[in-house]
Amino acid sequence: PELLRRWAEFSIFTCLFRSHEGVHPEGNAQPYDDDSIEAFATNAKLFASLFEYRQALMGEARDNGWPLVRHLWLHFPDDAKVLRMTSQFMLGPDLLVRPVTTEGALRSVVYLPRGAWMHVWTGAEHASVGEFVEVDSPLGRPPVFLRVSREPQSSLQKFLEMARSRPGPPS
């Protein structure tokens, strides 16, 4: 099912990647068909590619008490628009994520705070003055942006290489 695949996309950018079969597998959507298993495996590899980055964020959590998954306000406290944001988040200071939660959605509106951003799947760059942009969001490519106005994190290199080398979604 599409929303299960979207859940797995979202989970790439959190601290936990798993399905939720629990004790009632018949009552929960699971990646049992070939397409879902393949998508789940790809997303698991992307999750694993963020290991070093996530490990550095866990160090920040230990030292400063900062969460890995963060509200945009933590990094953009002077931007009044981010205060009411509930549909997107930061993974650490570098990745802005806008999960797709609507079945059938192929495009998404994303708020990019002031600065330089790169769409991780296409490499398209956006110089934002603090604005909303609409981007493609097919299955397998949720809206995710790298904050390039910061010093690049070498711990993100493996993820970025995997993201850019993935073939586009089927048409």
N, C-alpha and C. Protein backbone atom coordinates (compact mmCIF):
# COMPACT_ATOMS: atom_id res chain seq x y z
N PRO A 1 0.82 -1.20 0.00
CA PRO A 1 0.00 0.00 0.00
C PRO A 1 0.86 1.27 0.00
N GLU A 2 0.36 2.27 -0.66
CA GLU A 2 1.12 3.50 -0.84
C GLU A 2 1.51 4.16 0.48
N LEU A 3 0.58 4.28 1.42
CA LEU A 3 0.90 4.99 2.66
C LEU A 3 1.90 4.23 3.52
N LEU A 4 1.97 2.91 3.40
CA LEU A 4 3.02 2.16 4.08
C LEU A 4 4.38 2.53 3.48
N ARG A 5 4.43 2.64 2.17
CA ARG A 5 5.69 3.05 1.53
C ARG A 5 6.05 4.48 1.91
N ARG A 6 5.06 5.35 2.04
CA ARG A 6 5.33 6.73 2.48
C ARG A 6 5.85 6.73 3.93
N TRP A 7 5.31 5.83 4.76
CA TRP A 7 5.79 5.72 6.15
C TRP A 7 7.27 5.33 6.16
N ALA A 8 7.64 4.41 5.30
CA ALA A 8 9.03 3.98 5.23
C ALA A 8 9.92 5.13 4.73
N GLU A 9 9.42 5.94 3.78
CA GLU A 9 10.18 7.12 3.32
C GLU A 9 10.43 8.08 4.48
N PHE A 10 9.37 8.35 5.24
CA PHE A 10 9.48 9.24 6.39
C PHE A 10 10.51 8.71 7.39
N SER A 11 10.47 7.40 7.61
CA SER A 11 11.33 6.79 8.63
C SER A 11 12.81 6.88 8.30
N ILE A 12 13.17 7.04 7.04
CA ILE A 12 14.57 7.22 6.67
C ILE A 12 15.18 8.35 7.50
N PHE A 13 14.40 9.37 7.78
CA PHE A 13 14.89 10.61 8.38
C PHE A 13 14.54 10.73 9.86
N THR A 14 14.44 9.58 10.51
CA THR A 14 14.19 9.54 11.95
C THR A 14 15.27 8.66 12.58
N CYS A 15 15.12 8.36 13.85
CA CYS A 15 16.12 7.50 14.52
C CYS A 15 15.69 6.04 14.56
N LEU A 16 14.56 5.70 13.95
CA LEU A 16 14.07 4.33 13.99
C LEU A 16 13.44 3.96 12.66
N PHE A 17 13.89 2.86 12.06
CA PHE A 17 13.34 2.40 10.80
C PHE A 17 12.84 0.98 10.99
N ARG A 18 11.55 0.80 10.97
CA ARG A 18 10.96 -0.53 11.13
C ARG A 18 9.50 -0.51 10.71
N SER A 19 8.96 -1.70 10.51
CA SER A 19 7.52 -1.79 10.30
C SER A 19 6.89 -2.00 11.67
N HIS A 20 5.59 -2.01 11.73
CA HIS A 20 4.90 -2.12 13.03
C HIS A 20 3.94 -3.29 13.03
N GLU A 21 4.45 -4.47 12.76
CA GLU A 21 3.59 -5.64 12.72
C GLU A 21 2.99 -5.93 14.08
N GLY A 22 3.80 -5.91 15.12
CA GLY A 22 3.29 -6.16 16.46
C GLY A 22 2.72 -7.56 16.60
N VAL A 23 1.73 -7.71 17.45
CA VAL A 23 1.15 -9.02 17.71
C VAL A 23 -0.09 -9.30 16.86
N HIS A 24 -0.46 -8.34 16.00
CA HIS A 24 -1.63 -8.51 15.14
C HIS A 24 -1.27 -8.21 13.69
N PRO A 25 -0.45 -9.05 13.05
CA PRO A 25 -0.02 -8.76 11.69
C PRO A 25 -1.16 -8.65 10.69
N GLU A 26 -2.25 -9.36 10.93
CA GLU A 26 -3.38 -9.30 9.99
C GLU A 26 -4.08 -7.94 10.04
N GLY A 27 -3.87 -7.18 11.08
CA GLY A 27 -4.52 -5.88 11.23
C GLY A 27 -3.62 -4.71 10.87
N ASN A 28 -2.41 -5.00 10.37
CA ASN A 28 -1.46 -3.94 10.04
C ASN A 28 -0.93 -4.13 8.63
N ALA A 29 -0.78 -3.03 7.93
CA ALA A 29 -0.18 -3.10 6.60
C ALA A 29 1.29 -3.44 6.75
N GLN A 30 1.78 -4.35 5.93
CA GLN A 30 3.17 -4.79 5.98
C GLN A 30 3.73 -4.88 4.57
N PRO A 31 5.05 -4.76 4.44
CA PRO A 31 5.67 -4.85 3.11
C PRO A 31 5.83 -6.30 2.66
N TYR A 32 4.72 -6.97 2.33
CA TYR A 32 4.79 -8.37 1.97
C TYR A 32 4.80 -8.62 0.45
N ASP A 33 4.33 -7.67 -0.34
CA ASP A 33 4.36 -7.89 -1.78
C ASP A 33 5.73 -7.45 -2.33
N ASP A 34 6.08 -7.94 -3.51
CA ASP A 34 7.42 -7.71 -4.06
C ASP A 34 7.77 -6.23 -4.19
N ASP A 35 6.83 -5.41 -4.69
CA ASP A 35 7.11 -3.98 -4.86
C ASP A 35 7.36 -3.31 -3.51
N SER A 36 6.54 -3.64 -2.52
CA SER A 36 6.71 -3.04 -1.19
C SER A 36 8.02 -3.49 -0.54
N ILE A 37 8.35 -4.76 -0.70
CA ILE A 37 9.60 -5.27 -0.12
C ILE A 37 10.80 -4.57 -0.76
N GLU A 38 10.77 -4.40 -2.07
CA GLU A 38 11.87 -3.72 -2.76
C GLU A 38 12.00 -2.27 -2.30
N ALA A 39 10.87 -1.56 -2.18
CA ALA A 39 10.90 -0.17 -1.72
C ALA A 39 11.39 -0.09 -0.27
N PHE A 40 10.93 -1.01 0.55
CA PHE A 40 11.34 -1.04 1.96
C PHE A 40 12.84 -1.28 2.06
N ALA A 41 13.37 -2.18 1.24
CA ALA A 41 14.81 -2.47 1.25
C ALA A 41 15.61 -1.25 0.81
N THR A 42 15.16 -0.57 -0.22
CA THR A 42 15.84 0.64 -0.69
C THR A 42 15.85 1.70 0.40
N ASN A 43 14.71 1.89 1.04
CA ASN A 43 14.63 2.89 2.10
C ASN A 43 15.50 2.50 3.30
N ALA A 44 15.60 1.20 3.58
CA ALA A 44 16.46 0.74 4.67
C ALA A 44 17.92 1.07 4.35
N LYS A 45 18.32 0.94 3.10
CA LYS A 45 19.69 1.29 2.69
C LYS A 45 19.94 2.79 2.84
N LEU A 46 18.94 3.59 2.47
CA LEU A 46 19.08 5.04 2.64
C LEU A 46 19.17 5.40 4.13
N PHE A 47 18.35 4.75 4.95
CA PHE A 47 18.42 4.94 6.40
C PHE A 47 19.83 4.61 6.90
N ALA A 48 20.37 3.47 6.48
CA ALA A 48 21.70 3.06 6.91
C ALA A 48 22.77 4.04 6.43
N SER A 49 22.57 4.64 5.27
CA SER A 49 23.58 5.58 4.75
C SER A 49 23.69 6.84 5.61
N LEU A 50 22.70 7.07 6.45
CA LEU A 50 22.73 8.23 7.36
C LEU A 50 23.30 7.87 8.73
N PHE A 51 23.88 6.68 8.88
CA PHE A 51 24.38 6.23 10.18
C PHE A 51 25.37 7.23 10.79
N GLU A 52 26.39 7.62 10.05
CA GLU A 52 27.41 8.52 10.61
C GLU A 52 26.81 9.88 10.99
N TYR A 53 25.93 10.39 10.16
CA TYR A 53 25.28 11.67 10.45
C TYR A 53 24.42 11.54 11.72
N ARG A 54 23.63 10.47 11.77
CA ARG A 54 22.78 10.23 12.93
C ARG A 54 23.63 10.04 14.19
N GLN A 55 24.76 9.38 14.06
CA GLN A 55 25.65 9.18 15.20
C GLN A 55 26.17 10.52 15.73
N ALA A 56 26.52 11.44 14.83
CA ALA A 56 26.96 12.78 15.25
C ALA A 56 25.82 13.51 15.94
N LEU A 57 24.60 13.35 15.45
CA LEU A 57 23.45 13.99 16.07
C LEU A 57 23.18 13.41 17.46
N MET A 58 23.43 12.13 17.62
CA MET A 58 23.26 11.52 18.95
C MET A 58 24.29 12.09 19.93
N GLY A 59 25.47 12.43 19.43
CA GLY A 59 26.45 13.12 20.27
C GLY A 59 25.94 14.48 20.70
N GLU A 60 25.29 15.21 19.78
CA GLU A 60 24.69 16.50 20.13
C GLU A 60 23.58 16.30 21.16
N ALA A 61 22.82 15.24 21.01
CA ALA A 61 21.75 14.95 21.97
C ALA A 61 22.34 14.71 23.35
N ARG A 62 23.41 13.93 23.40
CA ARG A 62 24.06 13.63 24.68
C ARG A 62 24.65 14.91 25.30
N ASP A 63 25.34 15.71 24.49
CA ASP A 63 26.05 16.88 25.01
C ASP A 63 25.16 18.09 25.27
N ASN A 64 24.14 18.28 24.42
CA ASN A 64 23.33 19.50 24.48
C ASN A 64 21.85 19.27 24.74
N GLY A 65 21.42 18.03 24.67
CA GLY A 65 20.00 17.73 24.87
C GLY A 65 19.15 18.01 23.64
N TRP A 66 19.77 18.18 22.46
CA TRP A 66 19.02 18.47 21.24
C TRP A 66 18.48 17.18 20.64
N PRO A 67 17.24 17.18 20.19
CA PRO A 67 16.70 15.98 19.54
C PRO A 67 17.31 15.79 18.15
N LEU A 68 17.24 14.58 17.63
CA LEU A 68 17.71 14.33 16.26
C LEU A 68 16.73 14.94 15.27
N VAL A 69 15.45 14.66 15.47
CA VAL A 69 14.38 15.22 14.64
C VAL A 69 13.93 16.51 15.32
N ARG A 70 14.00 17.61 14.58
CA ARG A 70 13.84 18.92 15.19
C ARG A 70 12.79 19.78 14.48
N HIS A 71 12.12 20.57 15.27
CA HIS A 71 11.25 21.59 14.71
C HIS A 71 12.14 22.63 14.02
N LEU A 72 11.68 23.20 12.94
CA LEU A 72 12.47 24.18 12.21
C LEU A 72 12.88 25.37 13.07
N TRP A 73 12.06 25.69 14.07
CA TRP A 73 12.33 26.85 14.92
C TRP A 73 13.70 26.76 15.60
N LEU A 74 14.15 25.54 15.90
CA LEU A 74 15.44 25.38 16.57
C LEU A 74 16.58 25.99 15.75
N HIS A 75 16.47 25.92 14.44
CA HIS A 75 17.53 26.44 13.56
C HIS A 75 17.17 27.76 12.90
N PHE A 76 15.91 28.14 12.96
CA PHE A 76 15.47 29.39 12.33
C PHE A 76 14.58 30.17 13.29
N PRO A 77 15.11 30.54 14.46
CA PRO A 77 14.28 31.18 15.50
C PRO A 77 13.77 32.57 15.12
N ASP A 78 14.39 33.21 14.15
CA ASP A 78 13.96 34.55 13.74
C ASP A 78 12.95 34.53 12.60
N ASP A 79 12.57 33.36 12.15
CA ASP A 79 11.63 33.21 11.04
C ASP A 79 10.24 32.91 11.61
N ALA A 80 9.38 33.90 11.62
CA ALA A 80 8.04 33.75 12.21
C ALA A 80 7.21 32.67 11.51
N LYS A 81 7.48 32.42 10.22
CA LYS A 81 6.68 31.43 9.49
C LYS A 81 6.88 30.01 10.03
N VAL A 82 8.04 29.71 10.59
CA VAL A 82 8.29 28.33 11.03
C VAL A 82 7.58 27.98 12.33
N LEU A 83 7.13 28.99 13.08
CA LEU A 83 6.50 28.72 14.37
C LEU A 83 5.28 27.82 14.27
N ARG A 84 4.54 27.93 13.19
CA ARG A 84 3.30 27.16 13.03
C ARG A 84 3.47 25.92 12.14
N MET A 85 4.69 25.64 11.74
CA MET A 85 4.95 24.50 10.86
C MET A 85 4.70 23.19 11.61
N THR A 86 3.87 22.35 11.03
CA THR A 86 3.61 21.04 11.62
C THR A 86 3.81 19.91 10.61
N SER A 87 4.08 20.24 9.37
CA SER A 87 4.15 19.20 8.34
C SER A 87 5.56 18.98 7.80
N GLN A 88 6.55 19.61 8.40
CA GLN A 88 7.92 19.36 7.97
C GLN A 88 8.84 19.53 9.17
N PHE A 89 10.06 18.98 9.04
CA PHE A 89 10.99 19.00 10.16
C PHE A 89 12.42 18.97 9.65
N MET A 90 13.34 19.15 10.56
CA MET A 90 14.76 19.04 10.26
C MET A 90 15.28 17.75 10.88
N LEU A 91 16.14 17.05 10.15
CA LEU A 91 16.95 15.99 10.75
C LEU A 91 18.30 16.64 10.97
N GLY A 92 18.57 16.96 12.24
CA GLY A 92 19.77 17.74 12.54
C GLY A 92 19.66 19.11 11.91
N PRO A 93 20.78 19.79 11.76
CA PRO A 93 20.75 21.14 11.20
C PRO A 93 20.78 21.18 9.67
N ASP A 94 20.92 20.02 9.01
CA ASP A 94 21.22 20.02 7.59
C ASP A 94 20.14 19.52 6.66
N LEU A 95 19.23 18.66 7.11
CA LEU A 95 18.24 18.08 6.22
C LEU A 95 16.84 18.53 6.59
N LEU A 96 16.17 19.15 5.65
CA LEU A 96 14.78 19.57 5.82
C LEU A 96 13.91 18.53 5.13
N VAL A 97 12.94 17.99 5.85
CA VAL A 97 12.11 16.88 5.36
C VAL A 97 10.64 17.28 5.41
N ARG A 98 9.94 17.03 4.32
CA ARG A 98 8.49 17.27 4.25
C ARG A 98 7.83 15.94 3.88
N PRO A 99 7.46 15.14 4.89
CA PRO A 99 6.85 13.84 4.59
C PRO A 99 5.56 13.99 3.78
N VAL A 100 5.32 13.04 2.91
CA VAL A 100 4.08 13.00 2.14
C VAL A 100 3.12 12.09 2.89
N THR A 101 1.98 12.63 3.27
CA THR A 101 1.01 11.88 4.08
C THR A 101 -0.34 11.72 3.40
N THR A 102 -0.46 12.21 2.19
CA THR A 102 -1.72 12.13 1.46
C THR A 102 -1.59 11.12 0.32
N GLU A 103 -2.45 10.12 0.35
CA GLU A 103 -2.42 9.10 -0.69
C GLU A 103 -2.66 9.74 -2.05
N GLY A 104 -1.86 9.34 -3.03
CA GLY A 104 -2.00 9.85 -4.39
C GLY A 104 -1.28 11.16 -4.65
N ALA A 105 -0.69 11.76 -3.63
CA ALA A 105 0.00 13.05 -3.82
C ALA A 105 1.26 12.85 -4.66
N LEU A 106 1.42 13.67 -5.67
CA LEU A 106 2.61 13.62 -6.52
C LEU A 106 3.42 14.91 -6.46
N ARG A 107 2.85 15.93 -5.82
CA ARG A 107 3.56 17.20 -5.63
C ARG A 107 3.29 17.66 -4.20
N SER A 108 4.26 18.40 -3.65
CA SER A 108 4.13 18.88 -2.28
C SER A 108 4.64 20.31 -2.19
N VAL A 109 4.02 21.05 -1.29
CA VAL A 109 4.46 22.42 -0.99
C VAL A 109 5.38 22.35 0.23
N VAL A 110 6.54 22.97 0.09
CA VAL A 110 7.56 22.94 1.14
C VAL A 110 7.98 24.37 1.44
N TYR A 111 8.13 24.66 2.72
CA TYR A 111 8.66 25.97 3.10
C TYR A 111 10.17 25.86 3.25
N LEU A 112 10.90 26.70 2.54
CA LEU A 112 12.35 26.76 2.66
C LEU A 112 12.73 28.06 3.37
N PRO A 113 13.24 27.96 4.59
CA PRO A 113 13.71 29.17 5.28
C PRO A 113 14.82 29.85 4.47
N ARG A 114 15.12 31.07 4.83
CA ARG A 114 16.14 31.84 4.12
C ARG A 114 17.45 31.05 4.06
N GLY A 115 18.04 31.04 2.87
CA GLY A 115 19.33 30.37 2.69
C GLY A 115 19.37 29.58 1.40
N ALA A 116 20.46 28.88 1.22
CA ALA A 116 20.66 28.05 0.03
C ALA A 116 20.30 26.61 0.37
N TRP A 117 19.51 26.00 -0.49
CA TRP A 117 19.02 24.63 -0.30
C TRP A 117 19.21 23.83 -1.57
N MET A 118 19.44 22.53 -1.42
CA MET A 118 19.55 21.64 -2.58
C MET A 118 18.57 20.49 -2.41
N HIS A 119 17.77 20.25 -3.42
CA HIS A 119 16.85 19.11 -3.45
C HIS A 119 17.71 17.86 -3.56
N VAL A 120 17.64 16.96 -2.59
CA VAL A 120 18.60 15.86 -2.54
C VAL A 120 18.46 14.87 -3.68
N TRP A 121 17.28 14.71 -4.25
CA TRP A 121 17.08 13.70 -5.30
C TRP A 121 17.50 14.22 -6.67
N THR A 122 17.33 15.52 -6.91
CA THR A 122 17.60 16.06 -8.24
C THR A 122 18.85 16.93 -8.29
N GLY A 123 19.27 17.43 -7.15
CA GLY A 123 20.41 18.36 -7.13
C GLY A 123 20.02 19.79 -7.45
N ALA A 124 18.73 20.03 -7.71
CA ALA A 124 18.28 21.40 -8.02
C ALA A 124 18.52 22.29 -6.81
N GLU A 125 19.09 23.46 -7.06
CA GLU A 125 19.39 24.39 -5.97
C GLU A 125 18.34 25.48 -5.90
N HIS A 126 18.07 25.91 -4.67
CA HIS A 126 17.08 26.96 -4.41
C HIS A 126 17.72 27.99 -3.49
N ALA A 127 17.74 29.23 -3.93
CA ALA A 127 18.18 30.32 -3.07
C ALA A 127 16.91 30.96 -2.52
N SER A 128 16.60 30.64 -1.28
CA SER A 128 15.33 31.05 -0.70
C SER A 128 15.47 32.32 0.14
N VAL A 129 14.46 33.14 0.05
CA VAL A 129 14.37 34.33 0.91
C VAL A 129 13.39 34.06 2.04
N GLY A 130 13.03 32.77 2.21
CA GLY A 130 12.01 32.37 3.17
C GLY A 130 10.70 32.26 2.44
N GLU A 131 10.53 31.16 1.68
CA GLU A 131 9.38 31.06 0.78
C GLU A 131 8.92 29.62 0.61
N PHE A 132 7.70 29.48 0.14
CA PHE A 132 7.14 28.18 -0.18
C PHE A 132 7.47 27.84 -1.62
N VAL A 133 7.81 26.57 -1.85
CA VAL A 133 8.05 26.07 -3.20
C VAL A 133 7.23 24.80 -3.37
N GLU A 134 6.83 24.53 -4.60
CA GLU A 134 6.12 23.29 -4.89
C GLU A 134 7.07 22.39 -5.67
N VAL A 135 7.21 21.15 -5.21
CA VAL A 135 8.14 20.22 -5.84
C VAL A 135 7.45 18.88 -6.10
N ASP A 136 8.00 18.15 -7.06
CA ASP A 136 7.52 16.80 -7.30
C ASP A 136 7.80 15.94 -6.07
N SER A 137 6.87 15.04 -5.76
CA SER A 137 7.06 14.14 -4.62
C SER A 137 6.50 12.76 -4.94
N PRO A 138 7.01 12.14 -6.00
CA PRO A 138 6.53 10.79 -6.32
C PRO A 138 6.98 9.79 -5.27
N LEU A 139 6.37 8.62 -5.27
CA LEU A 139 6.80 7.56 -4.37
C LEU A 139 8.30 7.33 -4.53
N GLY A 140 8.97 7.22 -3.42
CA GLY A 140 10.41 6.99 -3.44
C GLY A 140 11.24 8.26 -3.39
N ARG A 141 10.59 9.40 -3.53
CA ARG A 141 11.32 10.67 -3.52
C ARG A 141 10.53 11.75 -2.76
N PRO A 142 10.44 11.61 -1.45
CA PRO A 142 9.73 12.65 -0.68
C PRO A 142 10.55 13.94 -0.71
N PRO A 143 9.92 15.08 -0.50
CA PRO A 143 10.67 16.34 -0.50
C PRO A 143 11.69 16.38 0.64
N VAL A 144 12.96 16.40 0.26
CA VAL A 144 14.06 16.50 1.22
C VAL A 144 15.08 17.47 0.64
N PHE A 145 15.50 18.42 1.47
CA PHE A 145 16.45 19.44 1.03
C PHE A 145 17.65 19.48 1.95
N LEU A 146 18.82 19.65 1.35
CA LEU A 146 20.06 19.83 2.09
C LEU A 146 20.30 21.32 2.27
N ARG A 147 20.60 21.72 3.47
CA ARG A 147 20.92 23.12 3.76
C ARG A 147 22.37 23.37 3.34
N VAL A 148 22.56 23.96 2.18
CA VAL A 148 23.92 24.16 1.66
C VAL A 148 24.54 25.48 2.10
N SER A 149 23.77 26.29 2.80
CA SER A 149 24.32 27.53 3.30
C SER A 149 25.17 27.31 4.55
N ARG A 150 25.27 26.05 4.98
CA ARG A 150 26.13 25.65 6.10
C ARG A 150 27.33 24.91 5.54
N GLU A 151 28.33 24.74 6.39
CA GLU A 151 29.48 23.91 6.01
C GLU A 151 28.98 22.49 5.76
N PRO A 152 29.30 21.89 4.61
CA PRO A 152 28.78 20.55 4.32
C PRO A 152 29.29 19.51 5.33
N GLN A 153 28.43 18.59 5.67
CA GLN A 153 28.77 17.52 6.61
C GLN A 153 29.29 16.32 5.82
N SER A 154 30.53 15.92 6.07
CA SER A 154 31.07 14.76 5.36
C SER A 154 30.28 13.50 5.71
N SER A 155 29.64 13.50 6.88
CA SER A 155 28.85 12.33 7.28
C SER A 155 27.58 12.17 6.44
N LEU A 156 27.26 13.15 5.61
CA LEU A 156 26.10 13.05 4.72
C LEU A 156 26.47 12.56 3.33
N GLN A 157 27.75 12.44 3.05
CA GLN A 157 28.20 12.14 1.69
C GLN A 157 27.63 10.84 1.14
N LYS A 158 27.66 9.79 1.92
CA LYS A 158 27.15 8.49 1.46
C LYS A 158 25.66 8.59 1.11
N PHE A 159 24.89 9.25 1.97
CA PHE A 159 23.46 9.42 1.70
C PHE A 159 23.24 10.21 0.41
N LEU A 160 23.95 11.32 0.26
CA LEU A 160 23.77 12.16 -0.92
C LEU A 160 24.14 11.41 -2.20
N GLU A 161 25.20 10.62 -2.16
CA GLU A 161 25.58 9.83 -3.33
C GLU A 161 24.50 8.81 -3.67
N MET A 162 23.96 8.15 -2.66
CA MET A 162 22.88 7.18 -2.91
C MET A 162 21.64 7.87 -3.46
N ALA A 163 21.29 9.00 -2.88
CA ALA A 163 20.08 9.72 -3.31
C ALA A 163 20.20 10.15 -4.77
N ARG A 164 21.34 10.67 -5.14
CA ARG A 164 21.53 11.17 -6.50
C ARG A 164 21.70 10.04 -7.53
N SER A 165 22.12 8.85 -7.09
CA SER A 165 22.33 7.76 -8.04
C SER A 165 21.09 6.91 -8.27
N ARG A 166 20.05 7.16 -7.49
CA ARG A 166 18.83 6.37 -7.65
C ARG A 166 18.13 6.70 -8.96
N PRO A 167 17.65 5.69 -9.65
CA PRO A 167 16.89 5.99 -10.85
C PRO A 167 15.59 6.71 -10.49
N GLY A 168 15.07 7.46 -11.41
CA GLY A 168 13.82 8.16 -11.17
C GLY A 168 12.68 7.17 -10.97
N PRO A 169 11.57 7.67 -10.45
CA PRO A 169 10.41 6.78 -10.23
C PRO A 169 9.85 6.31 -11.56
N PRO A 170 9.20 5.16 -11.56
CA PRO A 170 8.61 4.66 -12.81
C PRO A 170 7.51 5.61 -13.28
N SER A 171 7.40 5.73 -14.58
CA SER A 171 6.37 6.65 -15.12
C SER A 171 5.08 5.92 -15.39
